[in-house]
Amino acid sequence: VQLQASGGGLVQPGGSLRLSCAAFGTLSRFNTMGWYRQAPGMQRELVARIISGGDTVYTDSVKGRFTISRDNAEKTVYLQMTGLQPEDTAVYYCNYNSLVPSVNYWGKGTLVTVSS
């Protein structure tokens, strides 16, 4: 599985961005796709993830501001980000993983910069 992320960029505080991540290849019927981010000097952290059935998990700092969704037919996961703040500045990485088979893939990151 290969992941192609897009949608990063520069946005002012309070603004919005939508990230997309398209998966290429054969996906497991039961899988999880998600977004992680890594700010300079920080460890990579989970932002949000969504399983193939639709259940979602968000890190506390983005709850109420970010929404993760997926289109299983298009094999694409989205991250709608609103109310962006400077602390959201990071490289955002798309992730795909499944238990059967046991795999974990990362896409190339896309940079999100929140600055006035």
PDB file of N, CA and C in Angstrom:
ATOM      1  N   VAL A   1       0.854  -1.185   0.000  1.00  0.00           N
ATOM      2  CA  VAL A   1       0.000   0.000   0.000  1.00  0.00           C
ATOM      3  C   VAL A   1       0.888   1.232   0.000  1.00  0.00           C
ATOM      4  N   GLN A   2       0.587   2.137  -0.887  1.00  0.00           N
ATOM      5  CA  GLN A   2       1.277   3.425  -0.915  1.00  0.00           C
ATOM      6  C   GLN A   2       0.287   4.519  -0.579  1.00  0.00           C
ATOM      7  N   LEU A   3       0.754   5.518   0.137  1.00  0.00           N
ATOM      8  CA  LEU A   3      -0.108   6.600   0.580  1.00  0.00           C
ATOM      9  C   LEU A   3       0.390   7.907  -0.009  1.00  0.00           C
ATOM     10  N   GLN A   4      -0.533   8.685  -0.537  1.00  0.00           N
ATOM     11  CA  GLN A   4      -0.182   9.982  -1.118  1.00  0.00           C
ATOM     12  C   GLN A   4      -1.005  11.056  -0.447  1.00  0.00           C
ATOM     13  N   ALA A   5      -0.332  11.905   0.303  1.00  0.00           N
ATOM     14  CA  ALA A   5      -1.012  12.964   1.048  1.00  0.00           C
ATOM     15  C   ALA A   5      -0.893  14.289   0.315  1.00  0.00           C
ATOM     16  N   SER A   6      -1.890  15.125   0.515  1.00  0.00           N
ATOM     17  CA  SER A   6      -1.885  16.453  -0.086  1.00  0.00           C
ATOM     18  C   SER A   6      -2.746  17.386   0.761  1.00  0.00           C
ATOM     19  N   GLY A   7      -2.594  18.681   0.498  1.00  0.00           N
ATOM     20  CA  GLY A   7      -3.472  19.652   1.128  1.00  0.00           C
ATOM     21  C   GLY A   7      -2.832  20.559   2.147  1.00  0.00           C
ATOM     22  N   GLY A   8      -1.563  20.348   2.461  1.00  0.00           N
ATOM     23  CA  GLY A   8      -0.914  21.223   3.422  1.00  0.00           C
ATOM     24  C   GLY A   8      -0.679  22.609   2.847  1.00  0.00           C
ATOM     25  N   GLY A   9      -0.238  23.513   3.699  1.00  0.00           N
ATOM     26  CA  GLY A   9       0.051  24.852   3.240  1.00  0.00           C
ATOM     27  C   GLY A   9       0.141  25.822   4.386  1.00  0.00           C
ATOM     28  N   LEU A  10       0.154  27.089   4.025  1.00  0.00           N
ATOM     29  CA  LEU A  10       0.232  28.171   4.996  1.00  0.00           C
ATOM     30  C   LEU A  10      -1.163  28.751   5.211  1.00  0.00           C
ATOM     31  N   VAL A  11      -1.540  28.918   6.464  1.00  0.00           N
ATOM     32  CA  VAL A  11      -2.857  29.454   6.779  1.00  0.00           C
ATOM     33  C   VAL A  11      -2.743  30.355   8.000  1.00  0.00           C
ATOM     34  N   GLN A  12      -3.582  31.356   8.061  1.00  0.00           N
ATOM     35  CA  GLN A  12      -3.583  32.264   9.206  1.00  0.00           C
ATOM     36  C   GLN A  12      -4.305  31.626  10.386  1.00  0.00           C
ATOM     37  N   PRO A  13      -3.970  32.044  11.604  1.00  0.00           N
ATOM     38  CA  PRO A  13      -4.690  31.532  12.778  1.00  0.00           C
ATOM     39  C   PRO A  13      -6.193  31.712  12.609  1.00  0.00           C
ATOM     40  N   GLY A  14      -6.919  30.681  12.989  1.00  0.00           N
ATOM     41  CA  GLY A  14      -8.361  30.679  12.826  1.00  0.00           C
ATOM     42  C   GLY A  14      -8.828  30.132  11.489  1.00  0.00           C
ATOM     43  N   GLY A  15      -7.901  29.896  10.597  1.00  0.00           N
ATOM     44  CA  GLY A  15      -8.247  29.426   9.267  1.00  0.00           C
ATOM     45  C   GLY A  15      -8.487  27.928   9.210  1.00  0.00           C
ATOM     46  N   SER A  16      -8.727  27.451   7.995  1.00  0.00           N
ATOM     47  CA  SER A  16      -9.052  26.042   7.773  1.00  0.00           C
ATOM     48  C   SER A  16      -8.215  25.465   6.645  1.00  0.00           C
ATOM     49  N   LEU A  17      -7.997  24.174   6.735  1.00  0.00           N
ATOM     50  CA  LEU A  17      -7.345  23.412   5.676  1.00  0.00           C
ATOM     51  C   LEU A  17      -7.959  22.026   5.644  1.00  0.00           C
ATOM     52  N   ARG A  18      -7.892  21.397   4.489  1.00  0.00           N
ATOM     53  CA  ARG A  18      -8.352  20.017   4.366  1.00  0.00           C
ATOM     54  C   ARG A  18      -7.228  19.173   3.801  1.00  0.00           C
ATOM     55  N   LEU A  19      -6.817  18.185   4.542  1.00  0.00           N
ATOM     56  CA  LEU A  19      -5.805  17.248   4.079  1.00  0.00           C
ATOM     57  C   LEU A  19      -6.483  16.022   3.480  1.00  0.00           C
ATOM     58  N   SER A  20      -5.868  15.496   2.440  1.00  0.00           N
ATOM     59  CA  SER A  20      -6.346  14.272   1.809  1.00  0.00           C
ATOM     60  C   SER A  20      -5.209  13.261   1.747  1.00  0.00           C
ATOM     61  N   CYS A  21      -5.564  11.996   1.851  1.00  0.00           N
ATOM     62  CA  CYS A  21      -4.573  10.931   1.727  1.00  0.00           C
ATOM     63  C   CYS A  21      -5.202   9.792   0.939  1.00  0.00           C
ATOM     64  N   ALA A  22      -4.667   9.560  -0.247  1.00  0.00           N
ATOM     65  CA  ALA A  22      -5.156   8.485  -1.094  1.00  0.00           C
ATOM     66  C   ALA A  22      -4.278   7.259  -0.935  1.00  0.00           C
ATOM     67  N   ALA A  23      -4.906   6.107  -0.796  1.00  0.00           N
ATOM     68  CA  ALA A  23      -4.180   4.848  -0.673  1.00  0.00           C
ATOM     69  C   ALA A  23      -4.211   4.107  -1.999  1.00  0.00           C
ATOM     70  N   PHE A  24      -3.075   3.595  -2.398  1.00  0.00           N
ATOM     71  CA  PHE A  24      -2.957   2.850  -3.643  1.00  0.00           C
ATOM     72  C   PHE A  24      -2.513   1.427  -3.314  1.00  0.00           C
ATOM     73  N   GLY A  25      -3.273   0.469  -3.830  1.00  0.00           N
ATOM     74  CA  GLY A  25      -2.975  -0.921  -3.548  1.00  0.00           C
ATOM     75  C   GLY A  25      -4.195  -1.609  -2.974  1.00  0.00           C
ATOM     76  N   THR A  26      -4.006  -2.841  -2.566  1.00  0.00           N
ATOM     77  CA  THR A  26      -5.098  -3.621  -2.006  1.00  0.00           C
ATOM     78  C   THR A  26      -5.164  -3.394  -0.506  1.00  0.00           C
ATOM     79  N   LEU A  27      -6.304  -2.911  -0.046  1.00  0.00           N
ATOM     80  CA  LEU A  27      -6.475  -2.640   1.375  1.00  0.00           C
ATOM     81  C   LEU A  27      -7.140  -3.826   2.059  1.00  0.00           C
ATOM     82  N   SER A  28      -6.732  -4.056   3.285  1.00  0.00           N
ATOM     83  CA  SER A  28      -7.395  -5.059   4.098  1.00  0.00           C
ATOM     84  C   SER A  28      -8.833  -4.622   4.365  1.00  0.00           C
ATOM     85  N   ARG A  29      -9.726  -5.581   4.490  1.00  0.00           N
ATOM     86  CA  ARG A  29     -11.118  -5.241   4.752  1.00  0.00           C
ATOM     87  C   ARG A  29     -11.242  -4.472   6.064  1.00  0.00           C
ATOM     88  N   PHE A  30     -10.472  -4.866   7.047  1.00  0.00           N
ATOM     89  CA  PHE A  30     -10.488  -4.196   8.346  1.00  0.00           C
ATOM     90  C   PHE A  30      -9.154  -3.476   8.520  1.00  0.00           C
ATOM     91  N   ASN A  31      -9.216  -2.170   8.496  1.00  0.00           N
ATOM     92  CA  ASN A  31      -7.981  -1.404   8.599  1.00  0.00           C
ATOM     93  C   ASN A  31      -8.239  -0.083   9.305  1.00  0.00           C
ATOM     94  N   THR A  32      -7.191   0.566   9.640  1.00  0.00           N
ATOM     95  CA  THR A  32      -7.257   1.888  10.265  1.00  0.00           C
ATOM     96  C   THR A  32      -6.409   2.848   9.460  1.00  0.00           C
ATOM     97  N   MET A  33      -6.991   3.996   9.171  1.00  0.00           N
ATOM     98  CA  MET A  33      -6.226   5.070   8.540  1.00  0.00           C
ATOM     99  C   MET A  33      -6.257   6.269   9.458  1.00  0.00           C
ATOM    100  N   GLY A  34      -5.185   7.005   9.451  1.00  0.00           N
ATOM    101  CA  GLY A  34      -5.134   8.123  10.386  1.00  0.00           C
ATOM    102  C   GLY A  34      -4.120   9.167   9.989  1.00  0.00           C
ATOM    103  N   TRP A  35      -4.123  10.213  10.789  1.00  0.00           N
ATOM    104  CA  TRP A  35      -3.190  11.315  10.619  1.00  0.00           C
ATOM    105  C   TRP A  35      -2.385  11.488  11.897  1.00  0.00           C
ATOM    106  N   TYR A  36      -1.090  11.636  11.714  1.00  0.00           N
ATOM    107  CA  TYR A  36      -0.184  11.958  12.799  1.00  0.00           C
ATOM    108  C   TYR A  36       0.519  13.264  12.431  1.00  0.00           C
ATOM    109  N   ARG A  37       1.117  13.896  13.400  1.00  0.00           N
ATOM    110  CA  ARG A  37       1.872  15.112  13.105  1.00  0.00           C
ATOM    111  C   ARG A  37       3.132  15.159  13.955  1.00  0.00           C
ATOM    112  N   GLN A  38       4.096  15.870  13.413  1.00  0.00           N
ATOM    113  CA  GLN A  38       5.366  16.027  14.121  1.00  0.00           C
ATOM    114  C   GLN A  38       5.817  17.473  13.978  1.00  0.00           C
ATOM    115  N   ALA A  39       5.859  18.154  15.097  1.00  0.00           N
ATOM    116  CA  ALA A  39       6.347  19.528  15.127  1.00  0.00           C
ATOM    117  C   ALA A  39       7.866  19.499  15.337  1.00  0.00           C
ATOM    118  N   PRO A  40       8.545  20.570  14.981  1.00  0.00           N
ATOM    119  CA  PRO A  40      10.006  20.603  15.146  1.00  0.00           C
ATOM    120  C   PRO A  40      10.423  20.317  16.579  1.00  0.00           C
ATOM    121  N   GLY A  41      11.346  19.381  16.737  1.00  0.00           N
ATOM    122  CA  GLY A  41      11.843  19.042  18.057  1.00  0.00           C
ATOM    123  C   GLY A  41      10.921  18.194  18.896  1.00  0.00           C
ATOM    124  N   MET A  42       9.796  17.780  18.316  1.00  0.00           N
ATOM    125  CA  MET A  42       8.811  17.018  19.075  1.00  0.00           C
ATOM    126  C   MET A  42       8.673  15.617  18.497  1.00  0.00           C
ATOM    127  N   GLN A  43       8.091  14.717  19.283  1.00  0.00           N
ATOM    128  CA  GLN A  43       7.810  13.380  18.782  1.00  0.00           C
ATOM    129  C   GLN A  43       6.559  13.392  17.923  1.00  0.00           C
ATOM    130  N   ARG A  44       6.489  12.435  17.044  1.00  0.00           N
ATOM    131  CA  ARG A  44       5.283  12.290  16.227  1.00  0.00           C
ATOM    132  C   ARG A  44       4.131  11.872  17.133  1.00  0.00           C
ATOM    133  N   GLU A  45       2.982  12.497  16.915  1.00  0.00           N
ATOM    134  CA  GLU A  45       1.825  12.207  17.746  1.00  0.00           C
ATOM    135  C   GLU A  45       0.600  11.950  16.891  1.00  0.00           C
ATOM    136  N   LEU A  46      -0.305  11.156  17.445  1.00  0.00           N
ATOM    137  CA  LEU A  46      -1.565  10.893  16.769  1.00  0.00           C
ATOM    138  C   LEU A  46      -2.421  12.157  16.773  1.00  0.00           C
ATOM    139  N   VAL A  47      -3.018  12.463  15.625  1.00  0.00           N
ATOM    140  CA  VAL A  47      -3.999  13.529  15.536  1.00  0.00           C
ATOM    141  C   VAL A  47      -5.404  12.931  15.553  1.00  0.00           C
ATOM    142  N   ALA A  48      -5.638  12.010  14.638  1.00  0.00           N
ATOM    143  CA  ALA A  48      -6.942  11.353  14.556  1.00  0.00           C
ATOM    144  C   ALA A  48      -6.797  10.081  13.734  1.00  0.00           C
ATOM    145  N   ARG A  49      -7.652   9.114  14.018  1.00  0.00           N
ATOM    146  CA  ARG A  49      -7.651   7.902  13.222  1.00  0.00           C
ATOM    147  C   ARG A  49      -9.088   7.428  13.068  1.00  0.00           C
ATOM    148  N   ILE A  50      -9.309   6.657  11.997  1.00  0.00           N
ATOM    149  CA  ILE A  50     -10.647   6.155  11.684  1.00  0.00           C
ATOM    150  C   ILE A  50     -10.508   4.736  11.170  1.00  0.00           C
ATOM    151  N   ILE A  51     -11.325   3.855  11.740  1.00  0.00           N
ATOM    152  CA  ILE A  51     -11.271   2.478  11.272  1.00  0.00           C
ATOM    153  C   ILE A  51     -12.197   2.298  10.071  1.00  0.00           C
ATOM    154  N   SER A  52     -12.091   1.167   9.420  1.00  0.00           N
ATOM    155  CA  SER A  52     -12.853   0.941   8.199  1.00  0.00           C
ATOM    156  C   SER A  52     -14.357   1.001   8.445  1.00  0.00           C
ATOM    157  N   GLY A  53     -14.784   0.702   9.673  1.00  0.00           N
ATOM    158  CA  GLY A  53     -16.208   0.773   9.993  1.00  0.00           C
ATOM    159  C   GLY A  53     -16.692   2.160  10.322  1.00  0.00           C
ATOM    160  N   GLY A  54     -15.754   3.101  10.509  1.00  0.00           N
ATOM    161  CA  GLY A  54     -16.155   4.488  10.715  1.00  0.00           C
ATOM    162  C   GLY A  54     -15.897   5.054  12.094  1.00  0.00           C
ATOM    163  N   ASP A  55     -15.573   4.222  13.078  1.00  0.00           N
ATOM    164  CA  ASP A  55     -15.291   4.747  14.411  1.00  0.00           C
ATOM    165  C   ASP A  55     -14.034   5.611  14.376  1.00  0.00           C
ATOM    166  N   THR A  56     -14.060   6.682  15.167  1.00  0.00           N
ATOM    167  CA  THR A  56     -12.962   7.648  15.149  1.00  0.00           C
ATOM    168  C   THR A  56     -12.372   7.867  16.539  1.00  0.00           C
ATOM    169  N   VAL A  57     -11.116   8.295  16.527  1.00  0.00           N
ATOM    170  CA  VAL A  57     -10.411   8.682  17.749  1.00  0.00           C
ATOM    171  C   VAL A  57      -9.679   9.971  17.446  1.00  0.00           C
ATOM    172  N   TYR A  58      -9.750  10.933  18.390  1.00  0.00           N
ATOM    173  CA  TYR A  58      -9.055  12.204  18.237  1.00  0.00           C
ATOM    174  C   TYR A  58      -8.184  12.459  19.455  1.00  0.00           C
ATOM    175  N   THR A  59      -7.060  13.113  19.236  1.00  0.00           N
ATOM    176  CA  THR A  59      -6.305  13.585  20.375  1.00  0.00           C
ATOM    177  C   THR A  59      -7.062  14.776  20.961  1.00  0.00           C
ATOM    178  N   ASP A  60      -6.917  14.979  22.273  1.00  0.00           N
ATOM    179  CA  ASP A  60      -7.739  15.978  22.948  1.00  0.00           C
ATOM    180  C   ASP A  60      -7.592  17.376  22.366  1.00  0.00           C
ATOM    181  N   SER A  61      -6.401  17.740  21.946  1.00  0.00           N
ATOM    182  CA  SER A  61      -6.158  19.117  21.515  1.00  0.00           C
ATOM    183  C   SER A  61      -6.877  19.493  20.231  1.00  0.00           C
ATOM    184  N   VAL A  62      -7.377  18.518  19.477  1.00  0.00           N
ATOM    185  CA  VAL A  62      -8.045  18.838  18.212  1.00  0.00           C
ATOM    186  C   VAL A  62      -9.537  18.540  18.246  1.00  0.00           C
ATOM    187  N   LYS A  63     -10.016  17.984  19.336  1.00  0.00           N
ATOM    188  CA  LYS A  63     -11.446  17.664  19.419  1.00  0.00           C
ATOM    189  C   LYS A  63     -12.277  18.924  19.261  1.00  0.00           C
ATOM    190  N   GLY A  64     -13.298  18.832  18.425  1.00  0.00           N
ATOM    191  CA  GLY A  64     -14.163  19.967  18.161  1.00  0.00           C
ATOM    192  C   GLY A  64     -13.653  20.878  17.064  1.00  0.00           C
ATOM    193  N   ARG A  65     -12.424  20.699  16.635  1.00  0.00           N
ATOM    194  CA  ARG A  65     -11.856  21.535  15.569  1.00  0.00           C
ATOM    195  C   ARG A  65     -11.539  20.735  14.314  1.00  0.00           C
ATOM    196  N   PHE A  66     -11.087  19.507  14.483  1.00  0.00           N
ATOM    197  CA  PHE A  66     -10.713  18.665  13.349  1.00  0.00           C
ATOM    198  C   PHE A  66     -11.738  17.555  13.172  1.00  0.00           C
ATOM    199  N   THR A  67     -11.948  17.165  11.923  1.00  0.00           N
ATOM    200  CA  THR A  67     -12.835  16.047  11.621  1.00  0.00           C
ATOM    201  C   THR A  67     -12.160  15.117  10.631  1.00  0.00           C
ATOM    202  N   ILE A  68     -12.072  13.858  11.005  1.00  0.00           N
ATOM    203  CA  ILE A  68     -11.508  12.857  10.103  1.00  0.00           C
ATOM    204  C   ILE A  68     -12.648  12.083   9.465  1.00  0.00           C
ATOM    205  N   SER A  69     -12.484  11.776   8.193  1.00  0.00           N
ATOM    206  CA  SER A  69     -13.496  11.004   7.479  1.00  0.00           C
ATOM    207  C   SER A  69     -12.792  10.160   6.421  1.00  0.00           C
ATOM    208  N   ARG A  70     -13.518   9.217   5.874  1.00  0.00           N
ATOM    209  CA  ARG A  70     -12.914   8.380   4.843  1.00  0.00           C
ATOM    210  C   ARG A  70     -13.957   7.989   3.815  1.00  0.00           C
ATOM    211  N   ASP A  71     -13.469   7.770   2.620  1.00  0.00           N
ATOM    212  CA  ASP A  71     -14.283   7.283   1.517  1.00  0.00           C
ATOM    213  C   ASP A  71     -13.681   5.936   1.140  1.00  0.00           C
ATOM    214  N   ASN A  72     -14.302   4.864   1.589  1.00  0.00           N
ATOM    215  CA  ASN A  72     -13.730   3.538   1.369  1.00  0.00           C
ATOM    216  C   ASN A  72     -13.690   3.177  -0.121  1.00  0.00           C
ATOM    217  N   ALA A  73     -14.669   3.644  -0.856  1.00  0.00           N
ATOM    218  CA  ALA A  73     -14.689   3.340  -2.292  1.00  0.00           C
ATOM    219  C   ALA A  73     -13.514   4.002  -3.006  1.00  0.00           C
ATOM    220  N   GLU A  74     -13.168   5.206  -2.555  1.00  0.00           N
ATOM    221  CA  GLU A  74     -12.054   5.937  -3.159  1.00  0.00           C
ATOM    222  C   GLU A  74     -10.729   5.673  -2.443  1.00  0.00           C
ATOM    223  N   LYS A  75     -10.790   4.892  -1.355  1.00  0.00           N
ATOM    224  CA  LYS A  75      -9.592   4.571  -0.571  1.00  0.00           C
ATOM    225  C   LYS A  75      -8.858   5.842  -0.164  1.00  0.00           C
ATOM    226  N   THR A  76      -9.631   6.780   0.354  1.00  0.00           N
ATOM    227  CA  THR A  76      -9.082   8.079   0.714  1.00  0.00           C
ATOM    228  C   THR A  76      -9.553   8.474   2.101  1.00  0.00           C
ATOM    229  N   VAL A  77      -8.650   9.053   2.875  1.00  0.00           N
ATOM    230  CA  VAL A  77      -8.999   9.581   4.183  1.00  0.00           C
ATOM    231  C   VAL A  77      -8.753  11.087   4.160  1.00  0.00           C
ATOM    232  N   TYR A  78      -9.623  11.812   4.851  1.00  0.00           N
ATOM    233  CA  TYR A  78      -9.565  13.264   4.872  1.00  0.00           C
ATOM    234  C   TYR A  78      -9.409  13.755   6.307  1.00  0.00           C
ATOM    235  N   LEU A  79      -8.800  14.903   6.441  1.00  0.00           N
ATOM    236  CA  LEU A  79      -8.746  15.584   7.726  1.00  0.00           C
ATOM    237  C   LEU A  79      -9.144  17.031   7.500  1.00  0.00           C
ATOM    238  N   GLN A  80     -10.345  17.365   7.926  1.00  0.00           N
ATOM    239  CA  GLN A  80     -10.817  18.746   7.844  1.00  0.00           C
ATOM    240  C   GLN A  80     -10.390  19.450   9.112  1.00  0.00           C
ATOM    241  N   MET A  81      -9.590  20.484   8.961  1.00  0.00           N
ATOM    242  CA  MET A  81      -9.056  21.215  10.107  1.00  0.00           C
ATOM    243  C   MET A  81      -9.619  22.630  10.113  1.00  0.00           C
ATOM    244  N   THR A  82     -10.248  22.998  11.195  1.00  0.00           N
ATOM    245  CA  THR A  82     -10.777  24.343  11.354  1.00  0.00           C
ATOM    246  C   THR A  82     -10.215  24.947  12.634  1.00  0.00           C
ATOM    247  N   GLY A  83     -10.342  26.249  12.763  1.00  0.00           N
ATOM    248  CA  GLY A  83      -9.836  26.911  13.958  1.00  0.00           C
ATOM    249  C   GLY A  83      -8.367  26.646  14.197  1.00  0.00           C
ATOM    250  N   LEU A  84      -7.598  26.647  13.127  1.00  0.00           N
ATOM    251  CA  LEU A  84      -6.182  26.311  13.251  1.00  0.00           C
ATOM    252  C   LEU A  84      -5.439  27.349  14.073  1.00  0.00           C
ATOM    253  N   GLN A  85      -4.501  26.856  14.850  1.00  0.00           N
ATOM    254  CA  GLN A  85      -3.700  27.689  15.736  1.00  0.00           C
ATOM    255  C   GLN A  85      -2.221  27.441  15.468  1.00  0.00           C
ATOM    256  N   PRO A  86      -1.354  28.382  15.846  1.00  0.00           N
ATOM    257  CA  PRO A  86       0.085  28.186  15.603  1.00  0.00           C
ATOM    258  C   PRO A  86       0.617  26.861  16.146  1.00  0.00           C
ATOM    259  N   GLU A  87       0.047  26.388  17.231  1.00  0.00           N
ATOM    260  CA  GLU A  87       0.526  25.123  17.793  1.00  0.00           C
ATOM    261  C   GLU A  87       0.144  23.910  16.954  1.00  0.00           C
ATOM    262  N   ASP A  88      -0.681  24.121  15.934  1.00  0.00           N
ATOM    263  CA  ASP A  88      -1.007  23.033  14.995  1.00  0.00           C
ATOM    264  C   ASP A  88       0.044  22.918  13.895  1.00  0.00           C
ATOM    265  N   THR A  89       0.975  23.845  13.862  1.00  0.00           N
ATOM    266  CA  THR A  89       2.038  23.809  12.862  1.00  0.00           C
ATOM    267  C   THR A  89       2.866  22.544  13.029  1.00  0.00           C
ATOM    268  N   ALA A  90       2.965  21.791  11.952  1.00  0.00           N
ATOM    269  CA  ALA A  90       3.687  20.517  11.997  1.00  0.00           C
ATOM    270  C   ALA A  90       3.689  19.900  10.605  1.00  0.00           C
ATOM    271  N   VAL A  91       4.482  18.865  10.465  1.00  0.00           N
ATOM    272  CA  VAL A  91       4.373  18.015   9.288  1.00  0.00           C
ATOM    273  C   VAL A  91       3.347  16.935   9.624  1.00  0.00           C
ATOM    274  N   TYR A  92       2.357  16.807   8.776  1.00  0.00           N
ATOM    275  CA  TYR A  92       1.277  15.853   8.991  1.00  0.00           C
ATOM    276  C   TYR A  92       1.514  14.622   8.109  1.00  0.00           C
ATOM    277  N   TYR A  93       1.414  13.458   8.750  1.00  0.00           N
ATOM    278  CA  TYR A  93       1.673  12.193   8.069  1.00  0.00           C
ATOM    279  C   TYR A  93       0.419  11.335   8.048  1.00  0.00           C
ATOM    280  N   CYS A  94       0.174  10.754   6.911  1.00  0.00           N
ATOM    281  CA  CYS A  94      -0.920   9.798   6.773  1.00  0.00           C
ATOM    282  C   CYS A  94      -0.410   8.407   7.144  1.00  0.00           C
ATOM    283  N   ASN A  95      -1.270   7.624   7.767  1.00  0.00           N
ATOM    284  CA  ASN A  95      -0.885   6.287   8.197  1.00  0.00           C
ATOM    285  C   ASN A  95      -1.965   5.278   7.844  1.00  0.00           C
ATOM    286  N   TYR A  96      -1.526   4.094   7.463  1.00  0.00           N
ATOM    287  CA  TYR A  96      -2.439   2.976   7.207  1.00  0.00           C
ATOM    288  C   TYR A  96      -1.912   1.768   7.961  1.00  0.00           C
ATOM    289  N   ASN A  97      -2.773   1.086   8.677  1.00  0.00           N
ATOM    290  CA  ASN A  97      -2.338  -0.151   9.296  1.00  0.00           C
ATOM    291  C   ASN A  97      -3.473  -1.149   9.379  1.00  0.00           C
ATOM    292  N   SER A  98      -3.101  -2.410   9.415  1.00  0.00           N
ATOM    293  CA  SER A  98      -4.080  -3.482   9.582  1.00  0.00           C
ATOM    294  C   SER A  98      -3.436  -4.601  10.391  1.00  0.00           C
ATOM    295  N   LEU A  99      -4.291  -5.432  10.991  1.00  0.00           N
ATOM    296  CA  LEU A  99      -3.798  -6.571  11.760  1.00  0.00           C
ATOM    297  C   LEU A  99      -3.588  -7.790  10.877  1.00  0.00           C
ATOM    298  N   VAL A 100      -4.487  -7.943   9.895  1.00  0.00           N
ATOM    299  CA  VAL A 100      -4.385  -9.080   8.985  1.00  0.00           C
ATOM    300  C   VAL A 100      -4.462  -8.549   7.557  1.00  0.00           C
ATOM    301  N   PRO A 101      -3.373  -8.531   6.831  1.00  0.00           N
ATOM    302  CA  PRO A 101      -2.031  -8.831   7.309  1.00  0.00           C
ATOM    303  C   PRO A 101      -1.528  -7.740   8.246  1.00  0.00           C
ATOM    304  N   SER A 102      -0.515  -8.058   9.003  1.00  0.00           N
ATOM    305  CA  SER A 102       0.042  -7.091   9.939  1.00  0.00           C
ATOM    306  C   SER A 102       0.981  -6.150   9.200  1.00  0.00           C
ATOM    307  N   VAL A 103       0.476  -4.970   8.898  1.00  0.00           N
ATOM    308  CA  VAL A 103       1.269  -3.992   8.163  1.00  0.00           C
ATOM    309  C   VAL A 103       1.032  -2.608   8.744  1.00  0.00           C
ATOM    310  N   ASN A 104       1.990  -1.739   8.513  1.00  0.00           N
ATOM    311  CA  ASN A 104       1.898  -0.355   8.961  1.00  0.00           C
ATOM    312  C   ASN A 104       2.660   0.495   7.959  1.00  0.00           C
ATOM    313  N   TYR A 105       1.943   1.375   7.272  1.00  0.00           N
ATOM    314  CA  TYR A 105       2.552   2.183   6.233  1.00  0.00           C
ATOM    315  C   TYR A 105       2.391   3.670   6.548  1.00  0.00           C
ATOM    316  N   TRP A 106       3.392   4.437   6.100  1.00  0.00           N
ATOM    317  CA  TRP A 106       3.361   5.893   6.256  1.00  0.00           C
ATOM    318  C   TRP A 106       3.468   6.563   4.904  1.00  0.00           C
ATOM    319  N   GLY A 107       2.743   7.639   4.753  1.00  0.00           N
ATOM    320  CA  GLY A 107       2.916   8.466   3.585  1.00  0.00           C
ATOM    321  C   GLY A 107       3.970   9.528   3.851  1.00  0.00           C
ATOM    322  N   LYS A 108       4.387  10.189   2.795  1.00  0.00           N
ATOM    323  CA  LYS A 108       5.265  11.336   2.975  1.00  0.00           C
ATOM    324  C   LYS A 108       4.477  12.446   3.636  1.00  0.00           C
ATOM    325  N   GLY A 109       5.129  13.201   4.455  1.00  0.00           N
ATOM    326  CA  GLY A 109       4.426  14.238   5.189  1.00  0.00           C
ATOM    327  C   GLY A 109       4.046  15.431   4.337  1.00  0.00           C
ATOM    328  N   THR A 110       3.046  16.139   4.831  1.00  0.00           N
ATOM    329  CA  THR A 110       2.659  17.393   4.208  1.00  0.00           C
ATOM    330  C   THR A 110       2.700  18.466   5.294  1.00  0.00           C
ATOM    331  N   LEU A 111       3.349  19.588   4.976  1.00  0.00           N
ATOM    332  CA  LEU A 111       3.590  20.622   5.967  1.00  0.00           C
ATOM    333  C   LEU A 111       2.377  21.538   6.123  1.00  0.00           C
ATOM    334  N   VAL A 112       1.968  21.726   7.358  1.00  0.00           N
ATOM    335  CA  VAL A 112       0.930  22.695   7.698  1.00  0.00           C
ATOM    336  C   VAL A 112       1.573  23.774   8.561  1.00  0.00           C
ATOM    337  N   THR A 113       1.487  25.006   8.110  1.00  0.00           N
ATOM    338  CA  THR A 113       2.057  26.133   8.847  1.00  0.00           C
ATOM    339  C   THR A 113       0.932  27.111   9.169  1.00  0.00           C
ATOM    340  N   VAL A 114       0.775  27.382  10.455  1.00  0.00           N
ATOM    341  CA  VAL A 114      -0.248  28.336  10.895  1.00  0.00           C
ATOM    342  C   VAL A 114       0.467  29.566  11.436  1.00  0.00           C
ATOM    343  N   SER A 115       0.345  30.650  10.708  1.00  0.00           N
ATOM    344  CA  SER A 115       1.073  31.849  11.075  1.00  0.00           C
ATOM    345  C   SER A 115       0.419  33.074  10.463  1.00  0.00           C
ATOM    346  N   SER A 116       0.515  34.171  11.178  1.00  0.00           N
ATOM    347  CA  SER A 116       0.001  35.428  10.630  1.00  0.00           C
ATOM    348  C   SER A 116       1.114  36.187   9.908  1.00  0.00           C
TER     349      SER A 116
END
